Amino acid sequence: MARELSEKDIEILKKLAPECGDLTCGGSGHQFHAILPPVSNHFAESAEDFTGRISKLSDEELAYITEKILTGEEGLGCVEVEDAEALVKLIHDRISPEIAQKVIVAYESGAECDR
């Protein structure tokens, strides 16, 4: 589900990818409509890099992103598999195993790609 990023979303995106100069996908020229897909596909150089980036999230920020995932506002459809696994592990460890399972279901549902 495409959405316009809120100020909070932009703040989190810039925390995860401080090198993000503007909010435009270099490949398509479109504005980013989510937080995690651009970090996974445009900024993180590896699964380890992605893990390091998302580990910087506060519990509040992680809960916020998780809620967006569960409501369908934050698409995971084009997040790399290894990055989705790292996110699920972080949610499992810092929020709850039950919520992590719900995120797995959201990821596996193949929601549209929102970069």
C-alpha atoms as a PDB file:
ATOM      1  CA  MET A   1       0.000   0.000   0.000  1.00  0.00           C
ATOM      2  CA  ALA A   2       1.605   3.252  -1.117  1.00  0.00           C
ATOM      3  CA  ARG A   3       1.581   6.027   1.432  1.00  0.00           C
ATOM      4  CA  GLU A   4       3.071   9.433   1.924  1.00  0.00           C
ATOM      5  CA  LEU A   5       5.804   9.287   4.519  1.00  0.00           C
ATOM      6  CA  SER A   6       5.069  11.228   7.697  1.00  0.00           C
ATOM      7  CA  GLU A   7       7.667  13.321   9.493  1.00  0.00           C
ATOM      8  CA  LYS A   8       8.161  10.424  11.909  1.00  0.00           C
ATOM      9  CA  ASP A   9       8.675   8.018   8.995  1.00  0.00           C
ATOM     10  CA  ILE A  10      11.250  10.338   7.428  1.00  0.00           C
ATOM     11  CA  GLU A  11      13.043  10.723  10.757  1.00  0.00           C
ATOM     12  CA  ILE A  12      13.291   6.934  11.107  1.00  0.00           C
ATOM     13  CA  LEU A  13      14.374   6.499   7.468  1.00  0.00           C
ATOM     14  CA  LYS A  14      17.140   9.062   7.923  1.00  0.00           C
ATOM     15  CA  LYS A  15      18.224   7.354  11.167  1.00  0.00           C
ATOM     16  CA  LEU A  16      18.511   4.039   9.326  1.00  0.00           C
ATOM     17  CA  ALA A  17      20.066   5.586   6.211  1.00  0.00           C
ATOM     18  CA  PRO A  18      21.738   8.890   7.100  1.00  0.00           C
ATOM     19  CA  GLU A  19      23.188   8.987   3.596  1.00  0.00           C
ATOM     20  CA  CYS A  20      19.657   9.323   2.187  1.00  0.00           C
ATOM     21  CA  GLY A  21      19.880  12.802   0.692  1.00  0.00           C
ATOM     22  CA  ASP A  22      16.359  13.002  -0.622  1.00  0.00           C
ATOM     23  CA  LEU A  23      13.392  10.683  -0.608  1.00  0.00           C
ATOM     24  CA  THR A  24      13.570   9.653  -4.259  1.00  0.00           C
ATOM     25  CA  CYS A  25      14.454   6.221  -5.590  1.00  0.00           C
ATOM     26  CA  GLY A  26      17.462   6.613  -7.856  1.00  0.00           C
ATOM     27  CA  GLY A  27      16.281   3.790 -10.117  1.00  0.00           C
ATOM     28  CA  SER A  28      12.685   4.791 -10.701  1.00  0.00           C
ATOM     29  CA  GLY A  29      12.696   8.467  -9.814  1.00  0.00           C
ATOM     30  CA  HIS A  30       9.633   7.908  -7.609  1.00  0.00           C
ATOM     31  CA  GLN A  31       9.298   9.052  -4.017  1.00  0.00           C
ATOM     32  CA  PHE A  32       9.839   6.423  -1.332  1.00  0.00           C
ATOM     33  CA  HIS A  33       6.538   5.214   0.150  1.00  0.00           C
ATOM     34  CA  ALA A  34       7.939   3.044   2.926  1.00  0.00           C
ATOM     35  CA  ILE A  35      10.878   2.881   5.319  1.00  0.00           C
ATOM     36  CA  LEU A  36      12.301  -0.644   5.168  1.00  0.00           C
ATOM     37  CA  PRO A  37      12.370  -1.415   1.415  1.00  0.00           C
ATOM     38  CA  PRO A  38      14.601   1.566   0.572  1.00  0.00           C
ATOM     39  CA  VAL A  39      16.953   0.709   3.424  1.00  0.00           C
ATOM     40  CA  SER A  40      17.095  -2.926   2.291  1.00  0.00           C
ATOM     41  CA  ASN A  41      17.416  -2.255  -1.432  1.00  0.00           C
ATOM     42  CA  HIS A  42      19.158   1.096  -1.788  1.00  0.00           C
ATOM     43  CA  PHE A  43      21.291   1.755   1.272  1.00  0.00           C
ATOM     44  CA  ALA A  44      22.270  -1.434   3.123  1.00  0.00           C
ATOM     45  CA  GLU A  45      25.253  -3.070   1.459  1.00  0.00           C
ATOM     46  CA  SER A  46      24.628  -6.499   2.987  1.00  0.00           C
ATOM     47  CA  ALA A  47      22.367  -8.379   5.362  1.00  0.00           C
ATOM     48  CA  GLU A  48      24.840  -7.580   8.136  1.00  0.00           C
ATOM     49  CA  ASP A  49      24.682  -3.886   7.273  1.00  0.00           C
ATOM     50  CA  PHE A  50      20.860  -3.984   7.306  1.00  0.00           C
ATOM     51  CA  THR A  51      20.916  -5.743  10.684  1.00  0.00           C
ATOM     52  CA  GLY A  52      23.237  -3.104  12.088  1.00  0.00           C
ATOM     53  CA  ARG A  53      20.997  -0.343  10.807  1.00  0.00           C
ATOM     54  CA  ILE A  54      17.741  -1.702  12.217  1.00  0.00           C
ATOM     55  CA  SER A  55      19.447  -2.511  15.519  1.00  0.00           C
ATOM     56  CA  LYS A  56      19.760   1.250  16.031  1.00  0.00           C
ATOM     57  CA  LEU A  57      15.975   1.571  16.313  1.00  0.00           C
ATOM     58  CA  SER A  58      14.607   2.363  19.735  1.00  0.00           C
ATOM     59  CA  ASP A  59      11.946   0.014  21.074  1.00  0.00           C
ATOM     60  CA  GLU A  60       9.372   2.704  20.327  1.00  0.00           C
ATOM     61  CA  GLU A  61      10.542   3.076  16.715  1.00  0.00           C
ATOM     62  CA  LEU A  62      10.617  -0.695  16.220  1.00  0.00           C
ATOM     63  CA  ALA A  63       7.087  -0.987  17.634  1.00  0.00           C
ATOM     64  CA  TYR A  64       5.954   1.853  15.334  1.00  0.00           C
ATOM     65  CA  ILE A  65       7.351   0.153  12.218  1.00  0.00           C
ATOM     66  CA  THR A  66       5.938  -3.193  13.335  1.00  0.00           C
ATOM     67  CA  GLU A  67       2.487  -1.671  13.738  1.00  0.00           C
ATOM     68  CA  LYS A  68       2.755  -0.166  10.244  1.00  0.00           C
ATOM     69  CA  ILE A  69       3.672  -3.613   8.884  1.00  0.00           C
ATOM     70  CA  LEU A  70       0.721  -5.261  10.609  1.00  0.00           C
ATOM     71  CA  THR A  71      -1.733  -2.652   9.338  1.00  0.00           C
ATOM     72  CA  GLY A  72      -0.352  -2.958   5.803  1.00  0.00           C
ATOM     73  CA  GLU A  73       1.008   0.582   5.718  1.00  0.00           C
ATOM     74  CA  GLU A  74       4.657  -0.551   5.634  1.00  0.00           C
ATOM     75  CA  GLY A  75       5.248  -2.904   2.743  1.00  0.00           C
ATOM     76  CA  LEU A  76       7.752  -5.734   3.057  1.00  0.00           C
ATOM     77  CA  GLY A  77       7.159  -7.228  -0.373  1.00  0.00           C
ATOM     78  CA  CYS A  78      10.507  -6.196  -1.788  1.00  0.00           C
ATOM     79  CA  VAL A  79      12.653  -6.406   1.332  1.00  0.00           C
ATOM     80  CA  GLU A  80      15.453  -8.927   0.774  1.00  0.00           C
ATOM     81  CA  VAL A  81      14.779 -12.306   2.438  1.00  0.00           C
ATOM     82  CA  GLU A  82      17.854 -12.059   4.679  1.00  0.00           C
ATOM     83  CA  ASP A  83      16.814  -8.569   5.755  1.00  0.00           C
ATOM     84  CA  ALA A  84      13.269  -9.704   6.537  1.00  0.00           C
ATOM     85  CA  GLU A  85      14.720 -12.535   8.634  1.00  0.00           C
ATOM     86  CA  ALA A  86      16.867 -10.057  10.571  1.00  0.00           C
ATOM     87  CA  LEU A  87      13.852  -7.827  11.160  1.00  0.00           C
ATOM     88  CA  VAL A  88      11.757 -10.752  12.394  1.00  0.00           C
ATOM     89  CA  LYS A  89      14.535 -11.817  14.774  1.00  0.00           C
ATOM     90  CA  LEU A  90      14.783  -8.278  16.153  1.00  0.00           C
ATOM     91  CA  ILE A  91      11.002  -8.121  16.632  1.00  0.00           C
ATOM     92  CA  HIS A  92      11.052 -11.578  18.242  1.00  0.00           C
ATOM     93  CA  ASP A  93      13.793 -10.558  20.680  1.00  0.00           C
ATOM     94  CA  ARG A  94      12.627  -7.030  21.500  1.00  0.00           C
ATOM     95  CA  ILE A  95       8.836  -7.078  21.112  1.00  0.00           C
ATOM     96  CA  SER A  96       7.453 -10.627  21.207  1.00  0.00           C
ATOM     97  CA  PRO A  97       7.566 -13.992  19.439  1.00  0.00           C
ATOM     98  CA  GLU A  98       3.830 -13.726  18.674  1.00  0.00           C
ATOM     99  CA  ILE A  99       4.210 -10.367  16.941  1.00  0.00           C
ATOM    100  CA  ALA A 100       7.240 -11.695  15.042  1.00  0.00           C
ATOM    101  CA  GLN A 101       5.084 -14.549  13.749  1.00  0.00           C
ATOM    102  CA  LYS A 102       2.478 -12.043  12.538  1.00  0.00           C
ATOM    103  CA  VAL A 103       5.214 -10.144  10.684  1.00  0.00           C
ATOM    104  CA  ILE A 104       6.303 -13.396   9.014  1.00  0.00           C
ATOM    105  CA  VAL A 105       2.739 -13.907   7.821  1.00  0.00           C
ATOM    106  CA  ALA A 106       2.648 -10.325   6.493  1.00  0.00           C
ATOM    107  CA  TYR A 107       5.948 -10.857   4.674  1.00  0.00           C
ATOM    108  CA  GLU A 108       4.886 -14.181   3.201  1.00  0.00           C
ATOM    109  CA  SER A 109       1.596 -12.735   2.004  1.00  0.00           C
ATOM    110  CA  GLY A 110       3.590 -11.090  -0.754  1.00  0.00           C
ATOM    111  CA  ALA A 111       2.288  -7.584  -0.240  1.00  0.00           C
ATOM    112  CA  GLU A 112       3.073  -5.178  -3.057  1.00  0.00           C
ATOM    113  CA  CYS A 113       6.483  -3.625  -3.316  1.00  0.00           C
ATOM    114  CA  ASP A 114       6.511  -0.083  -1.803  1.00  0.00           C
ATOM    115  CA  ARG A 115       9.886   1.478  -2.268  1.00  0.00           C
END
